[in-house]
Amino acid sequence: MAGTYKCPRCDGTDIYFAQRQRITGVGGIYGNKAQMVKTALCKVCGENADFTPDVADVLRLKKVLAIVIAGVVLFIVIAVWANSTLVV
């Protein structure tokens, strides 16, 4: 899936990736868990960059989801119909 990264602060597109710590767990008796993750950062101001997917990729994903949902609905309808036609 292609897309672009853009800085929300300075609208820059010059991006680099660096390891940053991100909180991944929920607090509890042992505290929060943190992991090192690859993060997109702006070279100009250092702000976390936002990912914007391409429009074509979003449309393709919507079509795939619609086909999968239609298939599941069709499967359920056939299963209910087959169950109602059984003679006991």
PDB file of N, CA and C in Angstrom:
ATOM      1  N   MET A   1       0.851  -1.167   0.000  1.00  0.00           N
ATOM      2  CA  MET A   1       0.000   0.000   0.000  1.00  0.00           C
ATOM      3  C   MET A   1       0.899   1.233   0.000  1.00  0.00           C
ATOM      4  N   ALA A   2       0.759   2.041  -1.004  1.00  0.00           N
ATOM      5  CA  ALA A   2       1.581   3.235  -1.139  1.00  0.00           C
ATOM      6  C   ALA A   2       0.864   4.429  -0.519  1.00  0.00           C
ATOM      7  N   GLY A   3       1.633   5.419  -0.210  1.00  0.00           N
ATOM      8  CA  GLY A   3       1.074   6.630   0.364  1.00  0.00           C
ATOM      9  C   GLY A   3       2.180   7.623   0.623  1.00  0.00           C
ATOM     10  N   THR A   4       1.836   8.722   1.256  1.00  0.00           N
ATOM     11  CA  THR A   4       2.818   9.746   1.554  1.00  0.00           C
ATOM     12  C   THR A   4       2.755  10.110   3.027  1.00  0.00           C
ATOM     13  N   TYR A   5       3.858  10.594   3.516  1.00  0.00           N
ATOM     14  CA  TYR A   5       3.933  11.100   4.883  1.00  0.00           C
ATOM     15  C   TYR A   5       4.000  12.616   4.814  1.00  0.00           C
ATOM     16  N   LYS A   6       3.299  13.273   5.736  1.00  0.00           N
ATOM     17  CA  LYS A   6       3.273  14.735   5.763  1.00  0.00           C
ATOM     18  C   LYS A   6       3.301  15.203   7.210  1.00  0.00           C
ATOM     19  N   CYS A   7       4.098  16.220   7.472  1.00  0.00           N
ATOM     20  CA  CYS A   7       4.210  16.768   8.821  1.00  0.00           C
ATOM     21  C   CYS A   7       2.993  17.643   9.127  1.00  0.00           C
ATOM     22  N   PRO A   8       2.310  17.411  10.254  1.00  0.00           N
ATOM     23  CA  PRO A   8       1.138  18.236  10.583  1.00  0.00           C
ATOM     24  C   PRO A   8       1.523  19.642  11.061  1.00  0.00           C
ATOM     25  N   ARG A   9       2.764  19.832  11.509  1.00  0.00           N
ATOM     26  CA  ARG A   9       3.174  21.142  12.031  1.00  0.00           C
ATOM     27  C   ARG A   9       3.643  22.081  10.918  1.00  0.00           C
ATOM     28  N   CYS A  10       4.588  21.596  10.070  1.00  0.00           N
ATOM     29  CA  CYS A  10       5.178  22.492   9.065  1.00  0.00           C
ATOM     30  C   CYS A  10       4.793  22.116   7.633  1.00  0.00           C
ATOM     31  N   ASP A  11       3.935  21.111   7.456  1.00  0.00           N
ATOM     32  CA  ASP A  11       3.506  20.617   6.139  1.00  0.00           C
ATOM     33  C   ASP A  11       4.659  20.131   5.279  1.00  0.00           C
ATOM     34  N   GLY A  12       5.752  19.730   5.912  1.00  0.00           N
ATOM     35  CA  GLY A  12       6.898  19.213   5.181  1.00  0.00           C
ATOM     36  C   GLY A  12       6.694  17.764   4.786  1.00  0.00           C
ATOM     37  N   THR A  13       7.384  17.358   3.725  1.00  0.00           N
ATOM     38  CA  THR A  13       7.312  15.970   3.269  1.00  0.00           C
ATOM     39  C   THR A  13       8.678  15.295   3.326  1.00  0.00           C
ATOM     40  N   ASP A  14       9.678  15.970   3.885  1.00  0.00           N
ATOM     41  CA  ASP A  14      11.012  15.389   4.037  1.00  0.00           C
ATOM     42  C   ASP A  14      11.024  14.604   5.349  1.00  0.00           C
ATOM     43  N   ILE A  15      10.960  13.270   5.244  1.00  0.00           N
ATOM     44  CA  ILE A  15      10.715  12.399   6.391  1.00  0.00           C
ATOM     45  C   ILE A  15      11.871  11.421   6.573  1.00  0.00           C
ATOM     46  N   TYR A  16      12.162  11.081   7.813  1.00  0.00           N
ATOM     47  CA  TYR A  16      13.085   9.988   8.113  1.00  0.00           C
ATOM     48  C   TYR A  16      12.438   9.104   9.174  1.00  0.00           C
ATOM     49  N   PHE A  17      12.952   7.880   9.296  1.00  0.00           N
ATOM     50  CA  PHE A  17      12.420   6.917  10.262  1.00  0.00           C
ATOM     51  C   PHE A  17      13.432   6.699  11.369  1.00  0.00           C
ATOM     52  N   ALA A  18      12.952   6.650  12.610  1.00  0.00           N
ATOM     53  CA  ALA A  18      13.818   6.422  13.763  1.00  0.00           C
ATOM     54  C   ALA A  18      13.080   5.554  14.775  1.00  0.00           C
ATOM     55  N   GLN A  19      13.836   4.885  15.626  1.00  0.00           N
ATOM     56  CA  GLN A  19      13.258   4.062  16.688  1.00  0.00           C
ATOM     57  C   GLN A  19      12.819   4.972  17.827  1.00  0.00           C
ATOM     58  N   ARG A  20      11.572   4.852  18.222  1.00  0.00           N
ATOM     59  CA  ARG A  20      11.037   5.620  19.346  1.00  0.00           C
ATOM     60  C   ARG A  20      10.279   4.670  20.263  1.00  0.00           C
ATOM     61  N   GLN A  21      10.180   5.047  21.524  1.00  0.00           N
ATOM     62  CA  GLN A  21       9.484   4.223  22.496  1.00  0.00           C
ATOM     63  C   GLN A  21       7.996   4.554  22.479  1.00  0.00           C
ATOM     64  N   ARG A  22       7.163   3.513  22.427  1.00  0.00           N
ATOM     65  CA  ARG A  22       5.714   3.699  22.419  1.00  0.00           C
ATOM     66  C   ARG A  22       5.109   2.833  23.512  1.00  0.00           C
ATOM     67  N   ILE A  23       4.181   3.406  24.280  1.00  0.00           N
ATOM     68  CA  ILE A  23       3.489   2.674  25.330  1.00  0.00           C
ATOM     69  C   ILE A  23       2.485   1.732  24.667  1.00  0.00           C
ATOM     70  N   THR A  24       2.598   0.429  24.956  1.00  0.00           N
ATOM     71  CA  THR A  24       1.732  -0.548  24.294  1.00  0.00           C
ATOM     72  C   THR A  24       0.800  -1.265  25.261  1.00  0.00           C
ATOM     73  N   GLY A  25       1.080  -1.234  26.534  1.00  0.00           N
ATOM     74  CA  GLY A  25       0.256  -1.975  27.482  1.00  0.00           C
ATOM     75  C   GLY A  25      -0.642  -1.061  28.285  1.00  0.00           C
ATOM     76  N   VAL A  26      -1.421  -1.668  29.140  1.00  0.00           N
ATOM     77  CA  VAL A  26      -2.308  -0.934  30.026  1.00  0.00           C
ATOM     78  C   VAL A  26      -1.694  -0.963  31.415  1.00  0.00           C
ATOM     79  N   GLY A  27      -1.800   0.129  32.132  1.00  0.00           N
ATOM     80  CA  GLY A  27      -1.243   0.187  33.472  1.00  0.00           C
ATOM     81  C   GLY A  27      -1.870  -0.841  34.389  1.00  0.00           C
ATOM     82  N   GLY A  28      -1.156  -1.230  35.349  1.00  0.00           N
ATOM     83  CA  GLY A  28      -1.641  -2.220  36.292  1.00  0.00           C
ATOM     84  C   GLY A  28      -0.663  -2.303  37.439  1.00  0.00           C
ATOM     85  N   ILE A  29      -0.610  -3.431  38.066  1.00  0.00           N
ATOM     86  CA  ILE A  29       0.269  -3.591  39.208  1.00  0.00           C
ATOM     87  C   ILE A  29       1.742  -3.488  38.810  1.00  0.00           C
ATOM     88  N   TYR A  30       2.056  -3.880  37.564  1.00  0.00           N
ATOM     89  CA  TYR A  30       3.438  -3.829  37.090  1.00  0.00           C
ATOM     90  C   TYR A  30       3.729  -2.594  36.247  1.00  0.00           C
ATOM     91  N   GLY A  31       2.775  -1.741  36.017  1.00  0.00           N
ATOM     92  CA  GLY A  31       2.988  -0.533  35.229  1.00  0.00           C
ATOM     93  C   GLY A  31       2.747  -0.759  33.753  1.00  0.00           C
ATOM     94  N   ASN A  32       2.983   0.273  32.954  1.00  0.00           N
ATOM     95  CA  ASN A  32       2.786   0.196  31.509  1.00  0.00           C
ATOM     96  C   ASN A  32       3.945  -0.523  30.850  1.00  0.00           C
ATOM     97  N   LYS A  33       3.677  -1.123  29.684  1.00  0.00           N
ATOM     98  CA  LYS A  33       4.717  -1.751  28.888  1.00  0.00           C
ATOM     99  C   LYS A  33       5.072  -0.806  27.749  1.00  0.00           C
ATOM    100  N   ALA A  34       6.339  -0.772  27.391  1.00  0.00           N
ATOM    101  CA  ALA A  34       6.783   0.077  26.294  1.00  0.00           C
ATOM    102  C   ALA A  34       7.579  -0.769  25.311  1.00  0.00           C
ATOM    103  N   GLN A  35       7.457  -0.447  24.015  1.00  0.00           N
ATOM    104  CA  GLN A  35       8.198  -1.122  22.969  1.00  0.00           C
ATOM    105  C   GLN A  35       8.866  -0.082  22.089  1.00  0.00           C
ATOM    106  N   MET A  36       9.983  -0.479  21.475  1.00  0.00           N
ATOM    107  CA  MET A  36      10.638   0.373  20.498  1.00  0.00           C
ATOM    108  C   MET A  36       9.987   0.113  19.140  1.00  0.00           C
ATOM    109  N   VAL A  37       9.503   1.168  18.492  1.00  0.00           N
ATOM    110  CA  VAL A  37       8.853   1.043  17.193  1.00  0.00           C
ATOM    111  C   VAL A  37       9.485   2.028  16.211  1.00  0.00           C
ATOM    112  N   LYS A  38       9.378   1.697  14.931  1.00  0.00           N
ATOM    113  CA  LYS A  38       9.882   2.567  13.874  1.00  0.00           C
ATOM    114  C   LYS A  38       8.864   3.679  13.649  1.00  0.00           C
ATOM    115  N   THR A  39       9.288   4.930  13.767  1.00  0.00           N
ATOM    116  CA  THR A  39       8.377   6.068  13.699  1.00  0.00           C
ATOM    117  C   THR A  39       8.834   7.028  12.609  1.00  0.00           C
ATOM    118  N   ALA A  40       7.889   7.546  11.821  1.00  0.00           N
ATOM    119  CA  ALA A  40       8.188   8.545  10.795  1.00  0.00           C
ATOM    120  C   ALA A  40       8.255   9.921  11.447  1.00  0.00           C
ATOM    121  N   LEU A  41       9.378  10.622  11.234  1.00  0.00           N
ATOM    122  CA  LEU A  41       9.577  11.952  11.815  1.00  0.00           C
ATOM    123  C   LEU A  41       9.952  12.953  10.735  1.00  0.00           C
ATOM    124  N   CYS A  42       9.556  14.191  10.931  1.00  0.00           N
ATOM    125  CA  CYS A  42       9.882  15.276  10.004  1.00  0.00           C
ATOM    126  C   CYS A  42      11.334  15.700  10.210  1.00  0.00           C
ATOM    127  N   LYS A  43      12.076  15.874   9.119  1.00  0.00           N
ATOM    128  CA  LYS A  43      13.474  16.297   9.226  1.00  0.00           C
ATOM    129  C   LYS A  43      13.597  17.764   9.628  1.00  0.00           C
ATOM    130  N   VAL A  44      12.607  18.574   9.320  1.00  0.00           N
ATOM    131  CA  VAL A  44      12.682  20.004   9.600  1.00  0.00           C
ATOM    132  C   VAL A  44      12.405  20.305  11.074  1.00  0.00           C
ATOM    133  N   CYS A  45      11.289  19.784  11.599  1.00  0.00           N
ATOM    134  CA  CYS A  45      10.891  20.153  12.959  1.00  0.00           C
ATOM    135  C   CYS A  45      10.866  18.988  13.947  1.00  0.00           C
ATOM    136  N   GLY A  46      10.988  17.740  13.479  1.00  0.00           N
ATOM    137  CA  GLY A  46      11.028  16.595  14.374  1.00  0.00           C
ATOM    138  C   GLY A  46       9.674  16.079  14.826  1.00  0.00           C
ATOM    139  N   GLU A  47       8.601  16.626  14.295  1.00  0.00           N
ATOM    140  CA  GLU A  47       7.245  16.195  14.655  1.00  0.00           C
ATOM    141  C   GLU A  47       6.947  14.833  14.040  1.00  0.00           C
ATOM    142  N   ASN A  48       6.084  14.032  14.711  1.00  0.00           N
ATOM    143  CA  ASN A  48       5.630  12.771  14.127  1.00  0.00           C
ATOM    144  C   ASN A  48       4.862  13.070  12.851  1.00  0.00           C
ATOM    145  N   ALA A  49       5.193  12.349  11.774  1.00  0.00           N
ATOM    146  CA  ALA A  49       4.544  12.573  10.484  1.00  0.00           C
ATOM    147  C   ALA A  49       3.296  11.713  10.365  1.00  0.00           C
ATOM    148  N   ASP A  50       2.285  12.238   9.700  1.00  0.00           N
ATOM    149  CA  ASP A  50       1.031  11.522   9.470  1.00  0.00           C
ATOM    150  C   ASP A  50       1.102  10.806   8.123  1.00  0.00           C
ATOM    151  N   PHE A  51       0.606   9.559   8.086  1.00  0.00           N
ATOM    152  CA  PHE A  51       0.570   8.794   6.837  1.00  0.00           C
ATOM    153  C   PHE A  51      -0.751   9.031   6.143  1.00  0.00           C
ATOM    154  N   THR A  52      -0.702   9.331   4.841  1.00  0.00           N
ATOM    155  CA  THR A  52      -1.896   9.521   4.034  1.00  0.00           C
ATOM    156  C   THR A  52      -1.887   8.486   2.919  1.00  0.00           C
ATOM    157  N   PRO A  53      -2.824   7.525   2.943  1.00  0.00           N
ATOM    158  CA  PRO A  53      -2.847   6.510   1.886  1.00  0.00           C
ATOM    159  C   PRO A  53      -3.330   7.102   0.570  1.00  0.00           C
ATOM    160  N   ASP A  54      -2.951   6.448  -0.537  1.00  0.00           N
ATOM    161  CA  ASP A  54      -3.415   6.869  -1.854  1.00  0.00           C
ATOM    162  C   ASP A  54      -4.907   6.607  -1.984  1.00  0.00           C
ATOM    163  N   VAL A  55      -5.589   7.430  -2.780  1.00  0.00           N
ATOM    164  CA  VAL A  55      -7.033   7.297  -2.978  1.00  0.00           C
ATOM    165  C   VAL A  55      -7.355   5.963  -3.650  1.00  0.00           C
ATOM    166  N   ALA A  56      -6.533   5.527  -4.602  1.00  0.00           N
ATOM    167  CA  ALA A  56      -6.783   4.267  -5.305  1.00  0.00           C
ATOM    168  C   ALA A  56      -6.728   3.087  -4.340  1.00  0.00           C
ATOM    169  N   ASP A  57      -5.805   3.130  -3.380  1.00  0.00           N
ATOM    170  CA  ASP A  57      -5.708   2.055  -2.402  1.00  0.00           C
ATOM    171  C   ASP A  57      -6.928   2.006  -1.498  1.00  0.00           C
ATOM    172  N   VAL A  58      -7.429   3.167  -1.124  1.00  0.00           N
ATOM    173  CA  VAL A  58      -8.619   3.218  -0.266  1.00  0.00           C
ATOM    174  C   VAL A  58      -9.833   2.678  -1.013  1.00  0.00           C
ATOM    175  N   LEU A  59      -9.981   3.048  -2.275  1.00  0.00           N
ATOM    176  CA  LEU A  59     -11.108   2.544  -3.068  1.00  0.00           C
ATOM    177  C   LEU A  59     -11.010   1.038  -3.268  1.00  0.00           C
ATOM    178  N   ARG A  60      -9.806   0.522  -3.517  1.00  0.00           N
ATOM    179  CA  ARG A  60      -9.618  -0.914  -3.685  1.00  0.00           C
ATOM    180  C   ARG A  60      -9.983  -1.649  -2.394  1.00  0.00           C
ATOM    181  N   LEU A  61      -9.582  -1.103  -1.260  1.00  0.00           N
ATOM    182  CA  LEU A  61      -9.904  -1.718   0.019  1.00  0.00           C
ATOM    183  C   LEU A  61     -11.413  -1.730   0.263  1.00  0.00           C
ATOM    184  N   LYS A  62     -12.105  -0.645  -0.082  1.00  0.00           N
ATOM    185  CA  LYS A  62     -13.559  -0.593   0.083  1.00  0.00           C
ATOM    186  C   LYS A  62     -14.248  -1.630  -0.791  1.00  0.00           C
ATOM    187  N   LYS A  63     -13.761  -1.826  -2.039  1.00  0.00           N
ATOM    188  CA  LYS A  63     -14.353  -2.826  -2.924  1.00  0.00           C
ATOM    189  C   LYS A  63     -14.157  -4.233  -2.368  1.00  0.00           C
ATOM    190  N   VAL A  64     -12.954  -4.519  -1.876  1.00  0.00           N
ATOM    191  CA  VAL A  64     -12.677  -5.839  -1.314  1.00  0.00           C
ATOM    192  C   VAL A  64     -13.561  -6.096  -0.101  1.00  0.00           C
ATOM    193  N   LEU A  65     -13.692  -5.106   0.778  1.00  0.00           N
ATOM    194  CA  LEU A  65     -14.551  -5.262   1.950  1.00  0.00           C
ATOM    195  C   LEU A  65     -16.009  -5.477   1.556  1.00  0.00           C
ATOM    196  N   ALA A  66     -16.485  -4.780   0.531  1.00  0.00           N
ATOM    197  CA  ALA A  66     -17.867  -4.954   0.081  1.00  0.00           C
ATOM    198  C   ALA A  66     -18.085  -6.361  -0.464  1.00  0.00           C
ATOM    199  N   ILE A  67     -17.117  -6.888  -1.201  1.00  0.00           N
ATOM    200  CA  ILE A  67     -17.244  -8.247  -1.747  1.00  0.00           C
ATOM    201  C   ILE A  67     -17.240  -9.276  -0.627  1.00  0.00           C
ATOM    202  N   VAL A  68     -16.364  -9.090   0.359  1.00  0.00           N
ATOM    203  CA  VAL A  68     -16.297 -10.035   1.482  1.00  0.00           C
ATOM    204  C   VAL A  68     -17.591 -10.007   2.285  1.00  0.00           C
ATOM    205  N   ILE A  69     -18.113  -8.833   2.554  1.00  0.00           N
ATOM    206  CA  ILE A  69     -19.365  -8.717   3.314  1.00  0.00           C
ATOM    207  C   ILE A  69     -20.522  -9.336   2.540  1.00  0.00           C
ATOM    208  N   ALA A  70     -20.575  -9.112   1.225  1.00  0.00           N
ATOM    209  CA  ALA A  70     -21.633  -9.715   0.411  1.00  0.00           C
ATOM    210  C   ALA A  70     -21.522 -11.233   0.435  1.00  0.00           C
ATOM    211  N   GLY A  71     -20.308 -11.761   0.395  1.00  0.00           N
ATOM    212  CA  GLY A  71     -20.118 -13.205   0.463  1.00  0.00           C
ATOM    213  C   GLY A  71     -20.570 -13.791   1.785  1.00  0.00           C
ATOM    214  N   VAL A  72     -20.271 -13.110   2.872  1.00  0.00           N
ATOM    215  CA  VAL A  72     -20.691 -13.583   4.192  1.00  0.00           C
ATOM    216  C   VAL A  72     -22.208 -13.550   4.314  1.00  0.00           C
ATOM    217  N   VAL A  73     -22.834 -12.493   3.845  1.00  0.00           N
ATOM    218  CA  VAL A  73     -24.299 -12.391   3.894  1.00  0.00           C
ATOM    219  C   VAL A  73     -24.927 -13.491   3.050  1.00  0.00           C
ATOM    220  N   LEU A  74     -24.400 -13.739   1.856  1.00  0.00           N
ATOM    221  CA  LEU A  74     -24.912 -14.805   1.003  1.00  0.00           C
ATOM    222  C   LEU A  74     -24.766 -16.159   1.675  1.00  0.00           C
ATOM    223  N   PHE A  75     -23.630 -16.400   2.313  1.00  0.00           N
ATOM    224  CA  PHE A  75     -23.401 -17.658   3.026  1.00  0.00           C
ATOM    225  C   PHE A  75     -24.421 -17.842   4.149  1.00  0.00           C
ATOM    226  N   ILE A  76     -24.703 -16.778   4.894  1.00  0.00           N
ATOM    227  CA  ILE A  76     -25.676 -16.860   5.989  1.00  0.00           C
ATOM    228  C   ILE A  76     -27.074 -17.124   5.447  1.00  0.00           C
ATOM    229  N   VAL A  77     -27.451 -16.469   4.355  1.00  0.00           N
ATOM    230  CA  VAL A  77     -28.771 -16.672   3.766  1.00  0.00           C
ATOM    231  C   VAL A  77     -28.917 -18.112   3.290  1.00  0.00           C
ATOM    232  N   ILE A  78     -27.908 -18.650   2.623  1.00  0.00           N
ATOM    233  CA  ILE A  78     -27.965 -20.035   2.153  1.00  0.00           C
ATOM    234  C   ILE A  78     -28.022 -21.001   3.338  1.00  0.00           C
ATOM    235  N   ALA A  79     -27.274 -20.726   4.399  1.00  0.00           N
ATOM    236  CA  ALA A  79     -27.288 -21.595   5.572  1.00  0.00           C
ATOM    237  C   ALA A  79     -28.656 -21.601   6.243  1.00  0.00           C
ATOM    238  N   VAL A  80     -29.275 -20.446   6.359  1.00  0.00           N
ATOM    239  CA  VAL A  80     -30.612 -20.372   6.964  1.00  0.00           C
ATOM    240  C   VAL A  80     -31.622 -21.076   6.074  1.00  0.00           C
ATOM    241  N   TRP A  81     -31.541 -20.883   4.757  1.00  0.00           N
ATOM    242  CA  TRP A  81     -32.458 -21.548   3.827  1.00  0.00           C
ATOM    243  C   TRP A  81     -32.288 -23.062   3.885  1.00  0.00           C
ATOM    244  N   ALA A  82     -31.023 -23.528   3.898  1.00  0.00           N
ATOM    245  CA  ALA A  82     -30.770 -24.971   3.950  1.00  0.00           C
ATOM    246  C   ALA A  82     -31.267 -25.563   5.262  1.00  0.00           C
ATOM    247  N   ASN A  83     -31.136 -24.851   6.332  1.00  0.00           N
ATOM    248  CA  ASN A  83     -31.589 -25.332   7.630  1.00  0.00           C
ATOM    249  C   ASN A  83     -33.119 -25.403   7.688  1.00  0.00           C
ATOM    250  N   SER A  84     -33.785 -24.488   7.015  1.00  0.00           N
ATOM    251  CA  SER A  84     -35.252 -24.472   7.043  1.00  0.00           C
ATOM    252  C   SER A  84     -35.857 -25.542   6.140  1.00  0.00           C
ATOM    253  N   THR A  85     -35.114 -26.066   5.179  1.00  0.00           N
ATOM    254  CA  THR A  85     -35.654 -27.067   4.267  1.00  0.00           C
ATOM    255  C   THR A  85     -35.376 -28.506   4.717  1.00  0.00           C
ATOM    256  N   LEU A  86     -34.681 -28.671   5.832  1.00  0.00           N
ATOM    257  CA  LEU A  86     -34.418 -30.018   6.338  1.00  0.00           C
ATOM    258  C   LEU A  86     -35.690 -30.647   6.851  1.00  0.00           C
ATOM    259  N   VAL A  87     -35.897 -31.901   6.506  1.00  0.00           N
ATOM    260  CA  VAL A  87     -37.067 -32.621   6.965  1.00  0.00           C
ATOM    261  C   VAL A  87     -36.623 -33.554   8.089  1.00  0.00           C
ATOM    262  N   VAL A  88     -37.274 -33.428   9.229  1.00  0.00           N
ATOM    263  CA  VAL A  88     -36.888 -34.243  10.384  1.00  0.00           C
ATOM    264  C   VAL A  88     -37.818 -35.389  10.573  1.00  0.00           C
TER     265      VAL A  88
END
